[in-house]
Amino acid sequence: MSDSPEVRRADKLMSPASVRALLETSYCGRLATVGTDGSPYICPLLYVVMQNEIWLHNTSASGHLRTNISHQRKVCFEVDVPGKVFPYGRFECDTSIEYRSVVVFGQIRIIAERNLKAAFFDALMTKYYAHTSDRPKSFYPRLDAVTVYAVAVDRMTGKQTVLPAVESQWPSLDQTKSPNVKSPA
């Protein structure tokens, strides 16, 4: 694991088991890379967790993602699940949202072995598609047209805001962050 800054909102940290569960079950993740000119690039991708890494794929054609990965192997990957918006105080700015999110920092590499690429697609199909018996299983004729990547996790954090009970929400409980401010007339 690499050094990381202190988490500012430690009160929102998720347990390691909850982080892992969210990472394994979220629908889509966003992979962030950096270009040769320092510009960030983020790409939403379907993914699976395999061998304690995050595996994903994209076209084998050269584009922003592949160019950036060739330039810099350090990446960031994020998943999130939003929930309900709720008021906690008497002003509109006293509004929050329940959520869970995981941010992963790591190193990305290209998976070139056909058997590992096929194993990735088997796992991807298991996660996203209910197989039917009328189509050949584990048959990937365009395997050479895609690039499969694996992100080795250096560190990851998960944060959440849990929906408070109704009695802890406005107007039952006023938790405004500006208690001495008067509303305009």
Protein backbone atom coordinates (compact mmCIF):
# COMPACT_ATOMS: atom_id res chain seq x y z
CA MET A 1 0.00 0.00 0.00
CA SER A 2 1.21 3.50 -0.77
CA ASP A 3 1.17 6.50 1.53
CA SER A 4 -2.10 8.38 1.47
CA PRO A 5 -3.34 11.57 3.04
CA GLU A 6 -5.57 11.42 6.09
CA VAL A 7 -9.24 11.01 5.22
CA ARG A 8 -10.92 14.28 6.15
CA ARG A 9 -14.32 12.77 7.03
CA ALA A 10 -13.33 9.68 8.99
CA ASP A 11 -16.89 9.60 10.37
CA LYS A 12 -18.09 8.60 6.90
CA LEU A 13 -15.64 5.74 6.33
CA MET A 14 -17.08 2.37 5.37
CA SER A 15 -15.76 -0.90 6.78
CA PRO A 16 -13.32 -2.84 4.59
CA ALA A 17 -15.98 -5.55 4.07
CA SER A 18 -18.53 -2.95 2.94
CA VAL A 19 -15.98 -1.35 0.61
CA ARG A 20 -15.24 -4.72 -0.98
CA ALA A 21 -18.95 -5.59 -1.31
CA LEU A 22 -19.76 -2.27 -2.99
CA LEU A 23 -16.80 -2.60 -5.35
CA GLU A 24 -17.80 -6.13 -6.33
CA THR A 25 -21.48 -5.34 -6.94
CA SER A 26 -21.61 -1.83 -8.40
CA TYR A 27 -22.81 -1.59 -11.96
CA CYS A 28 -20.39 0.81 -13.61
CA GLY A 29 -17.09 2.35 -12.62
CA ARG A 30 -15.13 5.33 -13.84
CA LEU A 31 -11.46 4.99 -14.69
CA ALA A 32 -9.39 8.18 -14.47
CA THR A 33 -6.09 8.55 -16.31
CA VAL A 34 -3.69 11.41 -17.08
CA GLY A 35 -2.50 12.40 -20.55
CA THR A 36 0.96 13.39 -21.69
CA ASP A 37 -0.03 17.07 -21.39
CA GLY A 38 -1.27 16.54 -17.81
CA SER A 39 -4.94 16.62 -18.78
CA PRO A 40 -7.21 14.26 -16.86
CA TYR A 41 -9.49 11.84 -18.68
CA ILE A 42 -12.26 9.75 -17.19
CA CYS A 43 -14.10 6.89 -18.84
CA PRO A 44 -17.14 4.95 -17.57
CA LEU A 45 -16.59 1.20 -17.93
CA LEU A 46 -18.16 -2.10 -16.95
CA TYR A 47 -15.80 -4.14 -14.79
CA VAL A 48 -15.32 -7.14 -12.53
CA VAL A 49 -13.18 -7.79 -9.49
CA MET A 50 -10.89 -10.76 -10.20
CA GLN A 51 -7.78 -11.93 -8.39
CA ASN A 52 -8.04 -8.94 -6.01
CA GLU A 53 -7.77 -6.54 -8.94
CA ILE A 54 -10.23 -4.52 -10.99
CA TRP A 55 -10.50 -5.90 -14.51
CA LEU A 56 -12.04 -3.90 -17.34
CA HIS A 57 -11.89 -3.61 -21.09
CA ASN A 58 -12.08 -1.23 -24.00
CA THR A 59 -11.39 -1.31 -27.71
CA SER A 60 -7.90 -2.18 -28.89
CA ALA A 61 -7.98 0.93 -31.11
CA SER A 62 -5.73 3.73 -29.93
CA GLY A 63 -7.56 6.58 -28.20
CA HIS A 64 -7.38 8.72 -25.07
CA LEU A 65 -7.52 5.77 -22.67
CA ARG A 66 -4.83 3.64 -24.28
CA THR A 67 -2.58 6.63 -24.96
CA ASN A 68 -2.85 7.81 -21.36
CA ILE A 69 -2.18 4.34 -19.94
CA SER A 70 0.90 4.02 -22.14
CA HIS A 71 2.06 7.36 -20.69
CA GLN A 72 1.22 6.78 -17.01
CA ARG A 73 0.25 3.54 -15.29
CA LYS A 74 -1.11 5.28 -12.18
CA VAL A 75 -4.90 5.42 -12.32
CA CYS A 76 -7.89 6.11 -10.14
CA PHE A 77 -11.13 4.09 -10.27
CA GLU A 78 -14.44 5.11 -8.68
CA VAL A 79 -17.88 3.57 -8.12
CA ASP A 80 -20.84 5.10 -6.34
CA VAL A 81 -24.44 4.41 -5.44
CA PRO A 82 -26.67 7.44 -4.79
CA GLY A 83 -29.68 7.33 -2.50
CA LYS A 84 -32.34 9.75 -1.32
CA VAL A 85 -31.90 13.49 -0.96
CA PHE A 86 -32.94 14.70 2.49
CA PRO A 87 -33.16 17.96 4.44
CA TYR A 88 -31.33 18.30 7.75
CA GLY A 89 -31.89 22.01 8.49
CA ARG A 90 -34.10 25.01 7.83
CA PHE A 91 -32.26 26.41 4.79
CA GLU A 92 -32.10 24.89 1.30
CA CYS A 93 -28.33 24.57 1.63
CA ASP A 94 -28.99 22.28 4.62
CA THR A 95 -29.67 19.37 2.28
CA SER A 96 -27.67 16.19 1.80
CA ILE A 97 -27.88 12.87 -0.01
CA GLU A 98 -27.38 9.36 1.20
CA TYR A 99 -24.67 7.62 -0.81
CA ARG A 100 -21.92 5.03 -0.82
CA SER A 101 -18.75 5.38 -2.86
CA VAL A 102 -15.38 3.71 -3.29
CA VAL A 103 -12.25 5.32 -4.70
CA VAL A 104 -9.33 3.10 -5.71
CA PHE A 105 -5.79 4.23 -6.48
CA GLY A 106 -3.59 1.78 -8.31
CA GLN A 107 -1.41 0.72 -11.20
CA ILE A 108 -2.92 -0.52 -14.46
CA ARG A 109 -1.52 -3.09 -16.83
CA ILE A 110 -2.60 -4.72 -20.06
CA ILE A 111 -3.65 -8.36 -20.01
CA ALA A 112 -2.37 -9.94 -23.22
CA GLU A 113 -2.91 -13.67 -22.58
CA ARG A 114 -5.96 -14.91 -24.48
CA ASN A 115 -6.96 -17.36 -21.75
CA LEU A 116 -6.99 -14.55 -19.14
CA LYS A 117 -8.92 -12.28 -21.48
CA ALA A 118 -11.49 -15.05 -21.99
CA ALA A 119 -11.67 -15.62 -18.21
CA PHE A 120 -12.37 -11.89 -17.80
CA PHE A 121 -15.22 -12.04 -20.30
CA ASP A 122 -16.63 -15.15 -18.60
CA ALA A 123 -16.67 -13.19 -15.32
CA LEU A 124 -18.14 -10.12 -17.05
CA MET A 125 -20.96 -12.19 -18.58
CA THR A 126 -21.65 -13.82 -15.21
CA LYS A 127 -21.92 -10.40 -13.56
CA TYR A 128 -23.99 -8.63 -16.22
CA TYR A 129 -25.92 -11.17 -18.28
CA ALA A 130 -28.22 -14.07 -17.46
CA HIS A 131 -26.99 -16.77 -19.81
CA THR A 132 -29.40 -18.53 -22.13
CA SER A 133 -28.78 -21.98 -23.49
CA ASP A 134 -29.37 -20.98 -27.12
CA ARG A 135 -26.05 -19.12 -27.48
CA PRO A 136 -22.54 -20.58 -27.20
CA LYS A 137 -21.01 -19.90 -23.78
CA SER A 138 -17.39 -18.70 -23.46
CA PHE A 139 -17.09 -18.03 -27.19
CA TYR A 140 -15.44 -14.68 -27.92
CA PRO A 141 -14.56 -14.37 -31.63
CA ARG A 142 -13.51 -10.69 -31.28
CA LEU A 143 -11.11 -11.22 -28.39
CA ASP A 144 -8.24 -9.66 -30.36
CA ALA A 145 -10.30 -6.51 -30.99
CA VAL A 146 -10.40 -5.57 -27.30
CA THR A 147 -7.85 -4.67 -24.69
CA VAL A 148 -8.32 -6.06 -21.20
CA TYR A 149 -6.80 -4.17 -18.31
CA ALA A 150 -6.20 -5.03 -14.66
CA VAL A 151 -5.82 -2.44 -11.92
CA ALA A 152 -3.65 -3.56 -9.01
CA VAL A 153 -4.98 -1.78 -5.94
CA ASP A 154 -2.48 0.37 -4.03
CA ARG A 155 -5.12 1.82 -1.71
CA MET A 156 -8.85 2.32 -1.56
CA THR A 157 -11.36 4.06 0.61
CA GLY A 158 -15.10 3.90 0.90
CA LYS A 159 -17.34 6.61 2.26
CA GLN A 160 -21.02 6.80 2.94
CA THR A 161 -23.76 9.02 4.25
CA VAL A 162 -26.57 6.97 5.71
CA LEU A 163 -30.16 8.22 5.41
CA PRO A 164 -31.08 9.46 8.89
CA ALA A 165 -34.27 8.30 10.55
CA VAL A 166 -37.25 10.58 9.92
CA GLU A 167 -37.04 11.94 13.47
CA SER A 168 -33.46 13.07 12.71
CA GLN A 169 -34.45 14.97 9.56
CA TRP A 170 -35.88 18.45 9.17
CA PRO A 171 -38.34 19.60 10.46
CA SER A 172 -38.28 17.13 13.36
CA LEU A 173 -34.64 18.00 14.10
CA ASP A 174 -32.86 21.16 12.97
CA GLN A 175 -29.17 20.44 12.28
CA THR A 176 -28.43 23.54 10.25
CA LYS A 177 -24.75 24.40 9.86
CA SER A 178 -25.63 28.11 10.28
CA PRO A 179 -27.70 28.17 13.49
CA ASN A 180 -27.38 31.92 14.15
CA VAL A 181 -28.37 33.09 10.68
CA LYS A 182 -31.76 34.75 10.17
CA SER A 183 -33.75 33.94 7.06
CA PRO A 184 -34.44 36.93 4.77
CA ALA A 185 -37.93 38.38 5.22
